[in-house]
Amino acid sequence: MIRSTRPELVVPLASLLALASLVAGDALAAPCEPGSSEVLAAMPVDQPFFPPTGPTYPEGVAVVGTRVVTSGPATFGTAGNGSPSQLTVFDARTGVLRAEIPLVGEDLSQEHALSELASQGSTVYAPSTQLGVLSWKFTGNQDAPAQQAVSTPFCSVSIPFPCLTTTDACPPDMRFGLPPLPNGIAIAGSDIFVTDSLQGIIWTMRKPSPHAEALADPEVLFCSGALQGSGNEGLSLFGANGIAVVSDWIYVAVTFGPLGPTGPTSVIYRLPRINPSASDLAIAYTYVPVEVAPGIFVPPIADGLRHDAASNDLLVVLGGQNQVSRLDLDTDPPTEIARYSRTDADHPLLNPSTIALGDDGVAYVTNHAITCCLPGDPNPACGGCNNAQDYFGVIRLCVE
């Protein structure tokens, strides 16, 4: 049993396995018990002999009306694969594939990716590693709207690749010499915030007006070595990842935070939205590795964040531990009050990435599968990473 500090959020383990027999489209239509879940959709595979394809490694997810929109790929090794990044659009009720929207303007000979998504009204926004922030406005029955440029591309603050921007916001104890890696995105009013996982930056920009001739230029809002990964190579370099704006505060998930006695932690930091300084950066919550077998610890690998305004809770996707955590922001410091899992053999949570909230306490979680398999991965589907692509998709999860 997974027990929270709120009696109403006691989640029986049986509820995590409860919906295997429900028909797609009918499941979760009624009020549901926290922790119950089902597969909404598996990702289409357009080029099975040349993975990763456009929709593979889905990262971002957003709910727009009756649509669930995902973005990808979010991985390395895309240079020369001939497959553009894209949005993939599913029906939120039935999981039926409604559209695939390839990006326009990528240089497919170079690394290209589309990471997280944020929605505001009928518009979704995503940071592209090559093109800057892009947007798509869904109206009426239009499932494949035109791509719009919102900002100029993101640059490095220390090297001229892919471009160089000058700033005095980054302290000298940073790890320099890295390219940008825009990842998480949040929208608050006219402000857009984007995390940079390698450079430890929170970028900000104002959405240009509909008739503006110039695109927005990303500016460094905050820069810190604490927002860089704690490792020295590969995924361990990932720092700032998911981001959420809650009133006057920004919450940021650092995927590979400081090393603890059993491995890398993940840290949720909080800082003011306006004019943040180094002294303002505070730890809101720290996730630690979990021992899944004697001497085998699985790191949390925190990824996407989403604020649940109805409860003032923060939903945190723990990619390494295949769970979604709920933090109560009404306590100081925040308190974890629930963990949600999915272990069904047909399609378990397998390195989930981001989460979006729909109606009636239903959330949608992308199965990313990129880190399959970490040593000691508790997932029964994780067997040497064979057939990992079978588990790319979207899980519909009851969270309240």
Protein backbone atom coordinates (compact mmCIF):
# COMPACT_ATOMS: atom_id res chain seq x y z
CA MET A 1 0.00 0.00 0.00
CA ILE A 2 1.16 3.51 -0.80
CA ARG A 3 0.08 5.75 2.04
CA SER A 4 -0.04 9.51 2.04
CA THR A 5 -0.31 11.98 4.87
CA ARG A 6 -3.81 12.83 3.60
CA PRO A 7 -6.29 10.06 4.47
CA GLU A 8 -8.22 10.59 1.26
CA LEU A 9 -5.07 9.85 -0.75
CA VAL A 10 -4.39 6.36 0.56
CA VAL A 11 -3.68 4.44 -2.63
CA PRO A 12 -4.17 0.64 -2.45
CA LEU A 13 -1.68 -1.28 -4.54
CA ALA A 14 -4.59 -3.12 -6.16
CA SER A 15 -5.84 0.12 -7.64
CA LEU A 16 -2.60 0.44 -9.58
CA LEU A 17 -3.57 -2.68 -11.52
CA ALA A 18 -7.29 -2.17 -11.65
CA LEU A 19 -8.21 -1.22 -15.19
CA ALA A 20 -6.70 -3.89 -17.42
CA SER A 21 -10.09 -5.12 -18.57
CA LEU A 22 -11.62 -1.75 -19.38
CA VAL A 23 -12.30 -0.80 -22.98
CA ALA A 24 -10.34 2.16 -24.37
CA GLY A 25 -12.49 5.25 -24.47
CA ASP A 26 -14.73 4.07 -21.62
CA ALA A 27 -11.99 3.79 -19.00
CA LEU A 28 -11.61 6.61 -16.49
CA ALA A 29 -14.74 8.31 -17.84
CA ALA A 30 -16.24 8.10 -14.35
CA PRO A 31 -14.60 9.52 -11.23
CA CYS A 32 -11.60 7.31 -10.54
CA GLU A 33 -9.44 6.26 -7.65
CA PRO A 34 -5.97 7.80 -7.38
CA GLY A 35 -3.42 5.45 -8.86
CA SER A 36 -5.72 3.68 -11.31
CA SER A 37 -4.47 3.84 -14.86
CA GLU A 38 -4.64 2.57 -18.40
CA VAL A 39 -2.81 2.89 -21.70
CA LEU A 40 -4.19 5.74 -23.77
CA ALA A 41 -2.02 5.12 -26.82
CA ALA A 42 1.20 3.60 -28.08
CA MET A 43 3.38 5.74 -30.29
CA PRO A 44 3.23 5.11 -34.04
CA VAL A 45 6.44 3.79 -35.59
CA ASP A 46 6.88 5.28 -39.05
CA GLN A 47 10.41 4.05 -39.74
CA PRO A 48 10.88 0.81 -37.78
CA PHE A 49 14.29 0.12 -39.31
CA PHE A 50 15.76 3.48 -38.43
CA PRO A 51 14.95 4.36 -34.83
CA PRO A 52 14.61 6.85 -33.34
CA THR A 53 11.90 8.03 -35.68
CA GLY A 54 10.06 11.34 -35.36
CA PRO A 55 7.54 10.33 -32.72
CA THR A 56 9.80 7.92 -30.85
CA TYR A 57 11.11 8.96 -27.43
CA PRO A 58 8.04 11.08 -26.68
CA GLU A 59 8.86 13.72 -24.10
CA GLY A 60 6.35 16.54 -23.86
CA VAL A 61 2.62 16.13 -23.36
CA ALA A 62 -0.22 18.67 -23.30
CA VAL A 63 -4.01 18.52 -23.25
CA VAL A 64 -5.86 20.80 -25.68
CA GLY A 65 -9.62 20.26 -25.63
CA THR A 66 -10.23 16.64 -26.61
CA ARG A 67 -6.66 16.19 -27.82
CA VAL A 68 -3.57 14.84 -26.10
CA VAL A 69 -0.49 16.17 -27.87
CA THR A 70 3.01 14.73 -27.47
CA SER A 71 6.38 15.94 -28.74
CA GLY A 72 9.60 14.19 -29.70
CA PRO A 73 12.05 12.79 -30.26
CA ALA A 74 13.92 13.79 -27.12
CA THR A 75 17.15 11.84 -27.39
CA PHE A 76 20.58 11.89 -28.94
CA GLY A 77 21.64 10.14 -32.11
CA THR A 78 19.16 11.85 -34.43
CA ALA A 79 21.72 13.36 -36.81
CA GLY A 80 21.31 11.98 -40.31
CA ASN A 81 18.25 9.85 -39.57
CA GLY A 82 16.13 11.71 -42.12
CA SER A 83 13.19 11.91 -39.71
CA PRO A 84 12.07 15.34 -38.46
CA SER A 85 10.88 16.01 -34.95
CA GLN A 86 7.12 16.17 -34.62
CA LEU A 87 3.97 16.56 -32.60
CA THR A 88 1.73 13.50 -32.35
CA VAL A 89 -1.95 14.13 -31.65
CA PHE A 90 -4.25 11.56 -30.02
CA ASP A 91 -7.91 11.66 -29.06
CA ALA A 92 -8.03 12.10 -25.27
CA ARG A 93 -11.09 9.86 -24.96
CA THR A 94 -10.25 6.96 -27.24
CA GLY A 95 -6.51 7.19 -27.86
CA VAL A 96 -7.07 7.17 -31.62
CA LEU A 97 -4.24 8.79 -33.59
CA ARG A 98 -5.57 12.06 -34.99
CA ALA A 99 -2.48 13.60 -36.60
CA GLU A 100 1.28 13.64 -36.91
CA ILE A 101 2.77 17.11 -37.42
CA PRO A 102 6.41 17.09 -38.56
CA LEU A 103 8.57 20.12 -37.86
CA VAL A 104 9.53 22.39 -40.72
CA GLY A 105 13.00 23.87 -41.00
CA GLU A 106 15.20 21.41 -39.10
CA ASP A 107 18.63 20.47 -40.44
CA LEU A 108 18.22 16.70 -40.35
CA SER A 109 21.95 16.15 -40.85
CA GLN A 110 22.49 17.55 -37.34
CA GLU A 111 21.12 16.57 -33.94
CA HIS A 112 17.49 17.66 -33.67
CA ALA A 113 14.94 17.24 -30.92
CA LEU A 114 11.69 18.59 -29.55
CA SER A 115 11.41 18.25 -25.81
CA GLU A 116 8.67 19.33 -23.40
CA LEU A 117 5.34 21.00 -24.15
CA ALA A 118 3.30 23.67 -22.41
CA SER A 119 -0.22 24.71 -23.33
CA GLN A 120 -2.12 27.96 -22.90
CA GLY A 121 -5.67 27.93 -24.13
CA SER A 122 -5.71 26.26 -27.53
CA THR A 123 -2.01 26.84 -28.20
CA VAL A 124 0.89 24.53 -27.40
CA TYR A 125 4.50 25.66 -27.13
CA ALA A 126 7.70 23.61 -27.37
CA PRO A 127 11.43 24.40 -27.33
CA SER A 128 13.32 23.01 -30.31
CA THR A 129 17.04 22.39 -29.96
CA GLN A 130 17.60 24.00 -33.37
CA LEU A 131 14.77 26.45 -33.94
CA GLY A 132 13.96 28.08 -30.60
CA VAL A 133 10.44 28.11 -29.14
CA LEU A 134 7.68 27.09 -31.56
CA SER A 135 3.90 27.14 -31.23
CA TRP A 136 0.82 25.52 -32.78
CA LYS A 137 -2.73 26.83 -32.34
CA PHE A 138 -5.48 24.21 -32.43
CA THR A 139 -8.86 25.58 -33.48
CA GLY A 140 -12.12 23.84 -34.27
CA ASN A 141 -11.54 20.42 -35.78
CA GLN A 142 -8.08 21.35 -37.03
CA ASP A 143 -5.69 18.62 -35.83
CA ALA A 144 -2.62 19.73 -37.78
CA PRO A 145 -2.19 23.50 -37.40
CA ALA A 146 0.71 25.39 -38.95
CA GLN A 147 3.97 25.73 -37.06
CA GLN A 148 4.75 29.24 -35.84
CA ALA A 149 8.10 30.59 -34.66
CA VAL A 150 7.99 32.32 -31.27
CA SER A 151 11.67 32.94 -30.53
CA THR A 152 15.10 32.93 -32.06
CA PRO A 153 17.26 29.84 -31.37
CA PHE A 154 18.94 29.25 -28.03
CA CYS A 155 22.68 29.92 -27.82
CA SER A 156 25.62 28.98 -25.64
CA VAL A 157 26.86 31.50 -23.09
CA SER A 158 30.47 30.34 -23.47
CA ILE A 159 31.15 28.91 -26.95
CA PRO A 160 30.13 29.97 -30.47
CA PHE A 161 28.15 26.79 -31.08
CA PRO A 162 25.50 26.89 -32.38
CA CYS A 163 25.71 30.60 -31.57
CA LEU A 164 27.04 32.73 -28.73
CA THR A 165 25.12 35.04 -26.43
CA THR A 166 26.78 37.37 -23.94
CA THR A 167 25.59 37.51 -20.34
CA ASP A 168 26.99 38.42 -16.94
CA ALA A 169 24.36 36.33 -15.14
CA CYS A 170 26.44 33.13 -14.92
CA PRO A 171 28.89 32.80 -11.98
CA PRO A 172 32.51 31.75 -12.60
CA ASP A 173 32.12 28.38 -10.85
CA MET A 174 29.79 27.12 -13.61
CA ARG A 175 30.75 24.30 -15.97
CA PHE A 176 31.37 26.17 -19.22
CA GLY A 177 32.10 25.06 -22.78
CA LEU A 178 28.70 23.43 -23.33
CA PRO A 179 26.06 23.97 -26.03
CA PRO A 180 22.48 24.86 -25.13
CA LEU A 181 19.98 22.09 -24.45
CA PRO A 182 16.51 23.66 -24.08
CA ASN A 183 14.25 21.19 -22.31
CA GLY A 184 11.43 22.17 -19.94
CA ILE A 185 8.96 24.94 -20.70
CA ALA A 186 6.32 26.83 -18.72
CA ILE A 187 3.95 29.66 -19.70
CA ALA A 188 2.70 32.32 -17.31
CA GLY A 189 0.68 35.09 -18.90
CA SER A 190 2.87 36.58 -21.62
CA ASP A 191 6.05 35.16 -20.15
CA ILE A 192 7.74 31.98 -21.36
CA PHE A 193 10.33 30.15 -19.25
CA VAL A 194 12.63 27.45 -20.64
CA THR A 195 15.19 25.37 -18.80
CA ASP A 196 18.60 24.58 -20.26
CA SER A 197 19.71 21.19 -18.97
CA LEU A 198 23.42 21.46 -19.83
CA GLN A 199 24.09 25.12 -19.16
CA GLY A 200 22.11 25.33 -15.90
CA ILE A 201 20.06 28.25 -17.19
CA ILE A 202 16.47 29.39 -16.95
CA TRP A 203 15.74 31.36 -20.10
CA THR A 204 12.89 33.83 -20.30
CA MET A 205 11.16 35.74 -23.08
CA ARG A 206 7.93 37.59 -23.76
CA LYS A 207 5.56 36.17 -26.32
CA PRO A 208 5.59 38.47 -29.35
CA SER A 209 2.29 40.06 -30.28
CA PRO A 210 0.38 38.41 -33.13
CA HIS A 211 1.44 41.13 -35.55
CA ALA A 212 5.02 41.56 -34.36
CA GLU A 213 7.64 41.36 -37.07
CA ALA A 214 10.47 40.30 -34.77
CA LEU A 215 10.74 37.07 -32.82
CA ALA A 216 11.44 37.00 -29.10
CA ASP A 217 15.08 36.70 -28.07
CA PRO A 218 15.74 34.30 -25.16
CA GLU A 219 17.33 36.07 -22.20
CA VAL A 220 19.09 34.53 -19.21
CA LEU A 221 16.82 34.94 -16.19
CA PHE A 222 18.90 32.79 -13.86
CA CYS A 223 22.11 30.81 -14.14
CA SER A 224 23.68 28.55 -11.52
CA GLY A 225 25.99 25.58 -11.18
CA ALA A 226 23.33 24.08 -8.91
CA LEU A 227 21.11 23.79 -11.99
CA GLN A 228 23.71 21.72 -13.86
CA GLY A 229 24.03 17.97 -13.61
CA SER A 230 26.41 16.54 -11.02
CA GLY A 231 28.07 14.00 -13.35
CA ASN A 232 30.80 14.29 -15.92
CA GLU A 233 29.42 12.57 -19.01
CA GLY A 234 26.27 11.44 -20.78
CA LEU A 235 22.91 11.79 -19.06
CA SER A 236 24.58 12.67 -15.75
CA LEU A 237 25.25 16.13 -17.20
CA PHE A 238 21.50 16.82 -17.19
CA GLY A 239 20.53 19.42 -14.63
CA ALA A 240 17.56 21.78 -14.97
CA ASN A 241 14.70 19.89 -16.58
CA GLY A 242 11.01 20.24 -15.69
CA ILE A 243 9.74 23.68 -14.75
CA ALA A 244 6.51 25.03 -13.27
CA VAL A 245 5.41 28.56 -12.43
CA VAL A 246 3.28 28.81 -9.29
CA SER A 247 2.14 32.34 -8.51
CA ASP A 248 5.32 34.36 -7.86
CA TRP A 249 7.58 31.31 -7.74
CA ILE A 250 9.39 29.09 -10.20
CA TYR A 251 9.99 25.42 -9.41
CA VAL A 252 12.72 23.57 -11.32
CA ALA A 253 13.61 19.89 -11.27
CA VAL A 254 17.33 19.09 -11.44
CA THR A 255 17.53 15.58 -12.85
CA PHE A 256 20.99 14.59 -11.63
CA GLY A 257 21.51 16.58 -8.46
CA PRO A 258 24.23 16.21 -5.81
CA LEU A 259 25.54 12.71 -5.21
CA GLY A 260 24.30 11.09 -2.02
CA PRO A 261 25.70 7.99 -0.33
CA THR A 262 23.69 5.71 -2.65
CA GLY A 263 23.86 7.68 -5.89
CA PRO A 264 22.56 10.84 -7.55
CA THR A 265 19.63 12.66 -6.00
CA SER A 266 17.05 14.76 -7.80
CA VAL A 267 16.35 18.19 -6.37
CA ILE A 268 13.32 20.42 -6.77
CA TYR A 269 14.49 24.01 -6.41
CA ARG A 270 12.37 27.11 -5.85
CA LEU A 271 13.24 30.68 -6.73
CA PRO A 272 11.33 33.95 -7.24
CA ARG A 273 9.88 34.57 -10.65
CA ILE A 274 10.99 38.21 -10.66
CA ASN A 275 14.67 39.17 -10.46
CA PRO A 276 15.96 35.98 -8.83
CA SER A 277 19.45 36.04 -7.33
CA ALA A 278 21.84 33.30 -6.24
CA SER A 279 20.82 33.72 -2.61
CA ASP A 280 17.17 33.17 -3.54
CA LEU A 281 17.68 29.62 -4.81
CA ALA A 282 16.21 27.25 -2.24
CA ILE A 283 15.72 23.48 -2.05
CA ALA A 284 12.01 22.67 -1.96
CA TYR A 285 12.36 18.87 -1.95
CA THR A 286 15.05 16.23 -2.50
CA TYR A 287 14.39 12.77 -3.96
CA VAL A 288 16.88 10.02 -3.15
CA PRO A 289 17.70 6.68 -4.79
CA VAL A 290 15.52 3.72 -3.82
CA GLU A 291 16.98 0.33 -2.87
CA VAL A 292 15.20 -2.24 -5.05
CA ALA A 293 17.43 -5.18 -4.12
CA PRO A 294 20.23 -5.59 -1.59
CA GLY A 295 22.88 -3.04 -2.53
CA ILE A 296 21.09 -1.97 -5.75
CA PHE A 297 19.79 1.59 -5.77
CA VAL A 298 17.74 3.25 -8.52
CA PRO A 299 18.10 7.04 -8.82
CA PRO A 300 14.93 9.16 -9.03
CA ILE A 301 15.81 11.02 -12.31
CA ALA A 302 13.17 13.75 -11.83
CA ASP A 303 11.88 15.10 -15.13
CA GLY A 304 8.59 16.88 -15.82
CA LEU A 305 6.71 19.11 -13.37
CA ARG A 306 3.07 20.17 -13.45
CA HIS A 307 1.19 22.36 -10.99
CA ASP A 308 -2.27 21.16 -9.97
CA ALA A 309 -3.96 24.48 -9.25
CA ALA A 310 -7.06 22.84 -7.74
CA SER A 311 -5.08 21.29 -4.90
CA ASN A 312 -1.97 23.50 -5.03
CA ASP A 313 0.11 20.35 -5.38
CA LEU A 314 3.12 19.82 -7.62
CA LEU A 315 3.23 16.66 -9.69
CA VAL A 316 6.78 15.41 -10.29
CA VAL A 317 7.61 12.66 -12.78
CA LEU A 318 10.38 10.37 -11.50
CA GLY A 319 11.74 8.75 -14.64
CA GLY A 320 14.22 6.46 -12.91
CA GLN A 321 11.79 5.10 -10.35
CA ASN A 322 8.87 4.81 -12.80
CA GLN A 323 6.54 6.84 -10.61
CA VAL A 324 4.76 10.17 -10.30
CA SER A 325 5.15 12.01 -7.01
CA ARG A 326 2.72 14.52 -5.52
CA LEU A 327 4.12 17.34 -3.36
CA ASP A 328 1.87 19.48 -1.15
CA LEU A 329 2.96 23.08 -1.66
CA ASP A 330 0.79 24.31 1.22
CA THR A 331 3.39 22.97 3.63
CA ASP A 332 6.80 24.57 4.11
CA PRO A 333 8.89 22.80 3.04
CA PRO A 334 6.65 20.87 0.62
CA THR A 335 5.60 17.39 1.74
CA GLU A 336 5.26 14.31 -0.43
CA ILE A 337 1.73 13.01 0.02
CA ALA A 338 1.42 10.32 -2.68
CA ARG A 339 3.28 8.22 -5.24
CA TYR A 340 1.57 6.80 -8.31
CA SER A 341 2.86 3.80 -10.24
CA ARG A 342 1.82 1.55 -13.07
CA THR A 343 3.28 -1.96 -13.25
CA ASP A 344 0.85 -3.69 -15.60
CA ALA A 345 2.82 -6.00 -17.88
CA ASP A 346 1.05 -4.77 -21.03
CA HIS A 347 2.44 -1.25 -20.74
CA PRO A 348 3.96 -0.21 -17.41
CA LEU A 349 5.39 3.17 -16.62
CA LEU A 350 8.82 2.80 -18.20
CA ASN A 351 11.05 5.81 -17.57
CA PRO A 352 8.12 8.27 -17.74
CA SER A 353 8.98 11.81 -18.74
CA THR A 354 6.30 14.50 -18.41
CA ILE A 355 2.72 14.88 -17.24
CA ALA A 356 -0.27 17.00 -18.26
CA LEU A 357 -3.57 17.46 -16.43
CA GLY A 358 -6.93 16.87 -18.06
CA ASP A 359 -10.37 17.02 -16.48
CA ASP A 360 -11.78 15.23 -13.43
CA GLY A 361 -8.45 14.32 -11.85
CA VAL A 362 -7.07 12.56 -14.93
CA ALA A 363 -3.47 13.10 -16.00
CA TYR A 364 -1.55 11.97 -19.06
CA VAL A 365 2.02 10.73 -18.70
CA THR A 366 4.50 10.08 -21.52
CA ASN A 367 6.48 6.86 -21.42
CA HIS A 368 9.93 7.93 -22.53
CA ALA A 369 11.88 4.64 -22.25
CA ILE A 370 15.18 6.39 -22.95
CA THR A 371 17.00 5.20 -19.80
CA CYS A 372 15.94 1.58 -20.05
CA CYS A 373 17.62 -0.12 -18.45
CA LEU A 374 19.38 1.34 -15.46
CA PRO A 375 20.98 -1.23 -13.16
CA GLY A 376 18.30 -2.57 -10.87
CA ASP A 377 15.40 -0.99 -12.78
CA PRO A 378 12.37 -2.30 -10.85
CA ASN A 379 10.19 -2.49 -13.93
CA PRO A 380 9.25 -6.04 -15.00
CA ALA A 381 9.26 -4.93 -18.64
CA CYS A 382 12.87 -3.85 -18.40
CA GLY A 383 14.82 -6.82 -19.68
CA GLY A 384 18.06 -5.75 -21.27
CA CYS A 385 16.21 -3.00 -23.12
CA ASN A 386 14.86 -5.50 -25.64
CA ASN A 387 11.70 -4.21 -27.28
CA ALA A 388 11.83 -0.99 -25.27
CA GLN A 389 10.22 0.77 -28.23
CA ASP A 390 7.06 -1.25 -27.59
CA TYR A 391 6.52 0.84 -24.46
CA PHE A 392 6.75 4.33 -25.92
CA GLY A 393 3.33 5.88 -25.44
CA VAL A 394 0.93 7.76 -23.20
CA ILE A 395 -0.53 6.48 -19.92
CA ARG A 396 -3.80 7.90 -18.60
CA LEU A 397 -3.51 8.11 -14.82
CA CYS A 398 -5.92 9.12 -12.06
CA VAL A 399 -4.17 11.48 -9.66
CA GLU A 400 -7.02 12.79 -7.51
